[in-house]
């Protein structure tokens, strides 16, 4: 698997904004609630969004090197298509940068209740 030479970033960092992180966690739960009974290879875009967002929330960042280590075998064996991974990375990065205007057909980030 190779990333396009013009891929716009090589790392996604978890934002320092606690409210935004809470919204990312809510988005992950939203993703996990979609198509629960569909095999991951049948909804690759969703599969990659979940994996990327889970890793971001657990590790604090997602690098292209991590993606290569994690997904090369799936992609190189033809089970998964790399353009779905590239899209997932682009969407998660846009969420982290709160650049929702750059996304098409996105459901956006959910609002979460403020802590009292």
N, C-alpha and C. Protein backbone atom coordinates (compact mmCIF):
# COMPACT_ATOMS: atom_id res chain seq x y z
N UNK A 1 0.86 -1.18 0.00
CA UNK A 1 0.00 0.00 0.00
C UNK A 1 0.90 1.24 0.00
N UNK A 2 0.52 2.18 -0.82
CA UNK A 2 1.23 3.46 -0.87
C UNK A 2 0.23 4.59 -0.81
N UNK A 3 0.62 5.61 -0.09
CA UNK A 3 -0.20 6.81 -0.06
C UNK A 3 0.16 7.66 -1.26
N UNK A 4 -0.81 8.37 -1.82
CA UNK A 4 -0.50 9.27 -2.94
C UNK A 4 0.55 10.29 -2.53
N UNK A 5 1.42 10.66 -3.45
CA UNK A 5 2.47 11.62 -3.14
C UNK A 5 1.91 12.95 -2.67
N UNK A 6 0.73 13.29 -3.12
CA UNK A 6 0.13 14.57 -2.75
C UNK A 6 -0.84 14.44 -1.57
N UNK A 7 -0.75 13.34 -0.80
CA UNK A 7 -1.64 13.20 0.36
C UNK A 7 -1.39 14.38 1.29
N UNK A 8 -2.43 15.06 1.75
CA UNK A 8 -2.26 16.37 2.39
C UNK A 8 -1.65 16.38 3.79
N UNK A 9 -1.50 15.25 4.45
CA UNK A 9 -0.93 15.24 5.80
C UNK A 9 -0.33 13.87 6.07
N UNK A 10 0.54 13.79 7.07
CA UNK A 10 1.12 12.50 7.42
C UNK A 10 0.82 12.09 8.86
N UNK A 11 0.02 12.93 9.53
CA UNK A 11 -0.30 12.65 10.93
C UNK A 11 -1.57 13.40 11.32
N UNK A 12 -2.39 12.75 12.11
CA UNK A 12 -3.56 13.38 12.72
C UNK A 12 -3.33 13.34 14.23
N UNK A 13 -3.40 14.49 14.86
CA UNK A 13 -3.25 14.56 16.31
C UNK A 13 -4.60 14.80 16.97
N UNK A 14 -4.78 14.16 18.12
CA UNK A 14 -5.99 14.37 18.89
C UNK A 14 -6.01 15.82 19.36
N UNK A 15 -7.10 16.53 19.13
CA UNK A 15 -7.17 17.94 19.56
C UNK A 15 -7.05 18.07 21.08
N UNK A 16 -6.62 19.24 21.52
CA UNK A 16 -6.51 19.53 22.95
C UNK A 16 -7.83 20.00 23.55
N UNK A 17 -8.80 20.26 22.73
CA UNK A 17 -10.11 20.76 23.15
C UNK A 17 -10.97 19.61 23.69
N UNK A 18 -11.26 19.62 24.99
CA UNK A 18 -12.00 18.53 25.63
C UNK A 18 -13.40 18.35 25.01
N UNK A 19 -14.05 19.45 24.66
CA UNK A 19 -15.38 19.35 24.04
C UNK A 19 -15.29 18.68 22.68
N UNK A 20 -14.27 19.02 21.91
CA UNK A 20 -14.10 18.40 20.60
C UNK A 20 -13.78 16.91 20.74
N UNK A 21 -12.97 16.56 21.71
CA UNK A 21 -12.66 15.15 21.95
C UNK A 21 -13.93 14.39 22.34
N UNK A 22 -14.77 15.00 23.15
CA UNK A 22 -16.05 14.38 23.53
C UNK A 22 -16.92 14.17 22.30
N UNK A 23 -16.91 15.12 21.39
CA UNK A 23 -17.69 14.99 20.15
C UNK A 23 -17.11 13.89 19.26
N UNK A 24 -15.78 13.76 19.24
CA UNK A 24 -15.15 12.67 18.47
C UNK A 24 -15.53 11.31 19.07
N UNK A 25 -15.57 11.22 20.39
CA UNK A 25 -15.99 9.97 21.04
C UNK A 25 -17.45 9.65 20.69
N UNK A 26 -18.29 10.67 20.68
CA UNK A 26 -19.69 10.48 20.31
C UNK A 26 -19.80 10.05 18.85
N UNK A 27 -18.95 10.60 18.00
CA UNK A 27 -18.96 10.22 16.59
C UNK A 27 -18.55 8.75 16.43
N UNK A 28 -17.56 8.32 17.20
CA UNK A 28 -17.15 6.92 17.15
C UNK A 28 -18.33 6.02 17.52
N UNK A 29 -19.05 6.38 18.57
CA UNK A 29 -20.21 5.58 18.96
C UNK A 29 -21.29 5.59 17.87
N UNK A 30 -21.45 6.74 17.22
CA UNK A 30 -22.39 6.81 16.10
C UNK A 30 -21.96 5.86 14.99
N UNK A 31 -20.68 5.90 14.64
CA UNK A 31 -20.16 5.00 13.61
C UNK A 31 -20.40 3.54 14.00
N UNK A 32 -20.12 3.20 15.24
CA UNK A 32 -20.28 1.81 15.69
C UNK A 32 -21.73 1.36 15.67
N UNK A 33 -22.66 2.30 15.75
CA UNK A 33 -24.08 1.96 15.71
C UNK A 33 -24.63 1.76 14.31
N UNK A 34 -23.85 2.11 13.31
CA UNK A 34 -24.29 1.95 11.92
C UNK A 34 -23.98 0.53 11.44
N UNK A 35 -24.86 -0.04 10.65
CA UNK A 35 -24.62 -1.31 9.97
C UNK A 35 -23.93 -2.35 10.85
N UNK A 36 -24.45 -2.54 12.04
CA UNK A 36 -23.81 -3.46 12.99
C UNK A 36 -23.77 -4.89 12.49
N UNK A 37 -24.64 -5.25 11.57
CA UNK A 37 -24.72 -6.65 11.14
C UNK A 37 -24.15 -6.86 9.74
N UNK A 38 -23.46 -5.85 9.23
CA UNK A 38 -22.85 -5.95 7.91
C UNK A 38 -21.37 -6.29 8.08
N UNK A 39 -20.88 -7.20 7.27
CA UNK A 39 -19.45 -7.56 7.33
C UNK A 39 -18.61 -6.32 7.02
N UNK A 40 -17.49 -6.13 7.73
CA UNK A 40 -16.67 -4.92 7.54
C UNK A 40 -16.24 -4.70 6.09
N UNK A 41 -15.93 -5.76 5.38
CA UNK A 41 -15.49 -5.56 4.00
C UNK A 41 -16.61 -5.09 3.08
N UNK A 42 -17.85 -5.18 3.55
CA UNK A 42 -18.98 -4.70 2.77
C UNK A 42 -19.23 -3.21 2.97
N UNK A 43 -18.70 -2.65 4.03
CA UNK A 43 -18.79 -1.22 4.28
C UNK A 43 -17.41 -0.73 4.73
N UNK A 44 -16.49 -0.73 3.77
CA UNK A 44 -15.10 -0.43 4.06
C UNK A 44 -14.89 0.98 4.58
N UNK A 45 -15.63 1.94 4.06
CA UNK A 45 -15.50 3.31 4.51
C UNK A 45 -15.76 3.40 6.00
N UNK A 46 -16.83 2.79 6.45
CA UNK A 46 -17.18 2.78 7.87
C UNK A 46 -16.13 2.02 8.68
N UNK A 47 -15.68 0.88 8.18
CA UNK A 47 -14.65 0.09 8.87
C UNK A 47 -13.41 0.94 9.15
N UNK A 48 -12.92 1.64 8.13
CA UNK A 48 -11.72 2.44 8.31
C UNK A 48 -11.95 3.65 9.22
N UNK A 49 -13.11 4.28 9.12
CA UNK A 49 -13.40 5.41 10.00
C UNK A 49 -13.38 4.97 11.46
N UNK A 50 -13.97 3.82 11.74
CA UNK A 50 -13.98 3.30 13.12
C UNK A 50 -12.56 3.01 13.58
N UNK A 51 -11.79 2.29 12.78
CA UNK A 51 -10.43 1.92 13.17
C UNK A 51 -9.54 3.14 13.38
N UNK A 52 -9.63 4.11 12.47
CA UNK A 52 -8.80 5.31 12.58
C UNK A 52 -9.21 6.13 13.81
N UNK A 53 -10.49 6.32 14.00
CA UNK A 53 -10.95 7.11 15.14
C UNK A 53 -10.66 6.41 16.47
N UNK A 54 -10.83 5.10 16.53
CA UNK A 54 -10.47 4.35 17.74
C UNK A 54 -9.00 4.55 18.09
N UNK A 55 -8.13 4.39 17.09
CA UNK A 55 -6.70 4.53 17.34
C UNK A 55 -6.36 5.96 17.76
N UNK A 56 -6.96 6.93 17.11
CA UNK A 56 -6.71 8.33 17.47
C UNK A 56 -7.07 8.59 18.93
N UNK A 57 -8.22 8.11 19.35
CA UNK A 57 -8.67 8.35 20.72
C UNK A 57 -7.84 7.57 21.74
N UNK A 58 -7.34 6.41 21.36
CA UNK A 58 -6.52 5.61 22.27
C UNK A 58 -5.07 6.09 22.33
N UNK A 59 -4.48 6.36 21.18
CA UNK A 59 -3.04 6.65 21.10
C UNK A 59 -2.73 8.14 21.08
N UNK A 60 -3.71 8.97 20.76
CA UNK A 60 -3.47 10.41 20.70
C UNK A 60 -3.05 10.90 19.33
N UNK A 61 -2.77 9.98 18.41
CA UNK A 61 -2.45 10.37 17.04
C UNK A 61 -2.61 9.17 16.12
N UNK A 62 -2.70 9.47 14.85
CA UNK A 62 -2.71 8.46 13.79
C UNK A 62 -1.68 8.92 12.76
N UNK A 63 -0.74 8.07 12.48
CA UNK A 63 0.27 8.40 11.48
C UNK A 63 0.07 7.52 10.25
N UNK A 64 0.60 7.98 9.14
CA UNK A 64 0.52 7.17 7.93
C UNK A 64 1.32 5.88 8.12
N UNK A 65 2.41 5.94 8.87
CA UNK A 65 3.18 4.73 9.15
C UNK A 65 2.35 3.71 9.91
N UNK A 66 1.54 4.17 10.89
CA UNK A 66 0.66 3.26 11.61
C UNK A 66 -0.34 2.63 10.64
N UNK A 67 -0.89 3.43 9.75
CA UNK A 67 -1.85 2.91 8.77
C UNK A 67 -1.21 1.85 7.89
N UNK A 68 0.02 2.11 7.47
CA UNK A 68 0.72 1.14 6.64
C UNK A 68 0.92 -0.16 7.41
N UNK A 69 1.37 -0.06 8.65
CA UNK A 69 1.56 -1.26 9.47
C UNK A 69 0.26 -2.00 9.73
N UNK A 70 -0.79 -1.25 9.96
CA UNK A 70 -2.08 -1.83 10.35
C UNK A 70 -2.87 -2.41 9.17
N UNK A 71 -2.81 -1.75 8.01
CA UNK A 71 -3.75 -2.08 6.94
C UNK A 71 -3.13 -2.63 5.65
N UNK A 72 -1.82 -2.62 5.53
CA UNK A 72 -1.21 -3.06 4.27
C UNK A 72 -1.64 -4.46 3.87
N UNK A 73 -1.64 -5.37 4.82
CA UNK A 73 -1.99 -6.75 4.48
C UNK A 73 -3.42 -6.85 3.95
N UNK A 74 -4.35 -6.14 4.57
CA UNK A 74 -5.74 -6.16 4.10
C UNK A 74 -5.86 -5.59 2.69
N UNK A 75 -5.17 -4.48 2.46
CA UNK A 75 -5.28 -3.80 1.18
C UNK A 75 -4.52 -4.53 0.09
N UNK A 76 -3.30 -4.98 0.39
CA UNK A 76 -2.49 -5.65 -0.63
C UNK A 76 -3.05 -7.01 -1.04
N UNK A 77 -3.87 -7.61 -0.19
CA UNK A 77 -4.50 -8.88 -0.55
C UNK A 77 -5.83 -8.67 -1.28
N UNK A 78 -6.16 -7.42 -1.55
CA UNK A 78 -7.34 -7.13 -2.36
C UNK A 78 -8.66 -7.22 -1.63
N UNK A 79 -8.63 -7.42 -0.32
CA UNK A 79 -9.88 -7.51 0.43
C UNK A 79 -10.47 -6.12 0.62
N UNK A 80 -9.60 -5.15 0.86
CA UNK A 80 -10.02 -3.77 1.12
C UNK A 80 -9.38 -2.85 0.08
N UNK A 81 -10.03 -1.72 -0.17
CA UNK A 81 -9.55 -0.75 -1.14
C UNK A 81 -8.97 0.46 -0.42
N UNK A 82 -7.79 0.89 -0.87
CA UNK A 82 -7.10 1.98 -0.17
C UNK A 82 -7.85 3.31 -0.23
N UNK A 83 -8.66 3.54 -1.26
CA UNK A 83 -9.36 4.83 -1.32
C UNK A 83 -10.34 5.00 -0.16
N UNK A 84 -10.84 3.89 0.40
CA UNK A 84 -11.70 4.00 1.58
C UNK A 84 -10.90 4.43 2.81
N UNK A 85 -9.68 3.94 2.92
CA UNK A 85 -8.80 4.37 4.01
C UNK A 85 -8.46 5.85 3.85
N UNK A 86 -8.12 6.27 2.65
CA UNK A 86 -7.75 7.66 2.41
C UNK A 86 -8.92 8.58 2.75
N UNK A 87 -10.14 8.16 2.40
CA UNK A 87 -11.32 8.95 2.72
C UNK A 87 -11.52 9.02 4.23
N UNK A 88 -11.38 7.90 4.93
CA UNK A 88 -11.56 7.89 6.38
C UNK A 88 -10.57 8.83 7.05
N UNK A 89 -9.32 8.80 6.62
CA UNK A 89 -8.31 9.70 7.19
C UNK A 89 -8.66 11.16 6.93
N UNK A 90 -9.11 11.46 5.74
CA UNK A 90 -9.47 12.82 5.38
C UNK A 90 -10.64 13.32 6.22
N UNK A 91 -11.64 12.47 6.42
CA UNK A 91 -12.81 12.85 7.22
C UNK A 91 -12.43 13.06 8.67
N UNK A 92 -11.70 12.12 9.25
CA UNK A 92 -11.31 12.25 10.66
C UNK A 92 -10.43 13.48 10.86
N UNK A 93 -9.52 13.73 9.94
CA UNK A 93 -8.68 14.92 10.03
C UNK A 93 -9.53 16.19 9.97
N UNK A 94 -10.51 16.23 9.08
CA UNK A 94 -11.39 17.40 8.98
C UNK A 94 -12.16 17.60 10.28
N UNK A 95 -12.62 16.51 10.89
CA UNK A 95 -13.31 16.63 12.18
C UNK A 95 -12.37 17.22 13.23
N UNK A 96 -11.13 16.74 13.27
CA UNK A 96 -10.17 17.23 14.27
C UNK A 96 -9.84 18.70 14.06
N UNK A 97 -9.83 19.14 12.81
CA UNK A 97 -9.53 20.53 12.51
C UNK A 97 -10.79 21.39 12.44
N UNK A 98 -11.93 20.77 12.70
CA UNK A 98 -13.24 21.43 12.61
C UNK A 98 -13.41 22.13 11.27
N UNK A 99 -13.02 21.40 10.23
CA UNK A 99 -13.12 21.88 8.85
C UNK A 99 -14.24 21.13 8.14
N UNK A 100 -15.43 21.21 8.68
CA UNK A 100 -16.55 20.45 8.14
C UNK A 100 -16.98 20.94 6.77
N UNK A 101 -16.65 22.17 6.44
CA UNK A 101 -16.99 22.71 5.13
C UNK A 101 -16.29 21.99 3.99
N UNK A 102 -15.19 21.30 4.28
CA UNK A 102 -14.46 20.60 3.23
C UNK A 102 -15.04 19.22 2.94
N UNK A 103 -16.02 18.80 3.73
CA UNK A 103 -16.60 17.47 3.57
C UNK A 103 -17.93 17.53 2.84
N UNK A 104 -18.15 16.53 2.00
CA UNK A 104 -19.44 16.41 1.32
C UNK A 104 -20.18 15.22 1.89
N UNK A 105 -21.47 15.34 2.02
CA UNK A 105 -22.34 14.25 2.49
C UNK A 105 -21.97 13.77 3.89
N UNK A 106 -21.43 14.63 4.70
CA UNK A 106 -21.04 14.26 6.06
C UNK A 106 -22.21 14.52 7.00
N UNK A 107 -22.35 13.66 7.98
CA UNK A 107 -23.36 13.89 9.01
C UNK A 107 -22.81 14.79 10.10
N UNK A 108 -21.52 15.14 10.01
CA UNK A 108 -20.92 16.06 10.96
C UNK A 108 -20.64 15.43 12.31
N UNK A 109 -20.22 16.26 13.22
CA UNK A 109 -19.94 15.82 14.58
C UNK A 109 -21.17 16.05 15.44
N UNK A 110 -21.53 15.07 16.25
CA UNK A 110 -22.68 15.28 17.14
C UNK A 110 -22.34 16.29 18.23
N UNK A 111 -23.36 16.97 18.69
CA UNK A 111 -23.22 17.85 19.84
C UNK A 111 -23.31 16.98 21.09
N UNK A 112 -22.60 17.34 22.12
CA UNK A 112 -22.68 16.62 23.37
C UNK A 112 -23.08 17.59 24.46
N UNK A 113 -23.76 17.08 25.47
CA UNK A 113 -24.22 17.92 26.56
C UNK A 113 -23.02 18.42 27.35
N UNK A 114 -23.07 19.67 27.74
CA UNK A 114 -22.02 20.25 28.56
C UNK A 114 -22.07 19.64 29.94
N UNK A 115 -20.91 19.44 30.53
CA UNK A 115 -20.85 18.89 31.88
C UNK A 115 -21.17 19.99 32.88
N UNK A 116 -21.99 19.65 33.83
CA UNK A 116 -22.39 20.63 34.86
C UNK A 116 -21.38 20.69 35.97
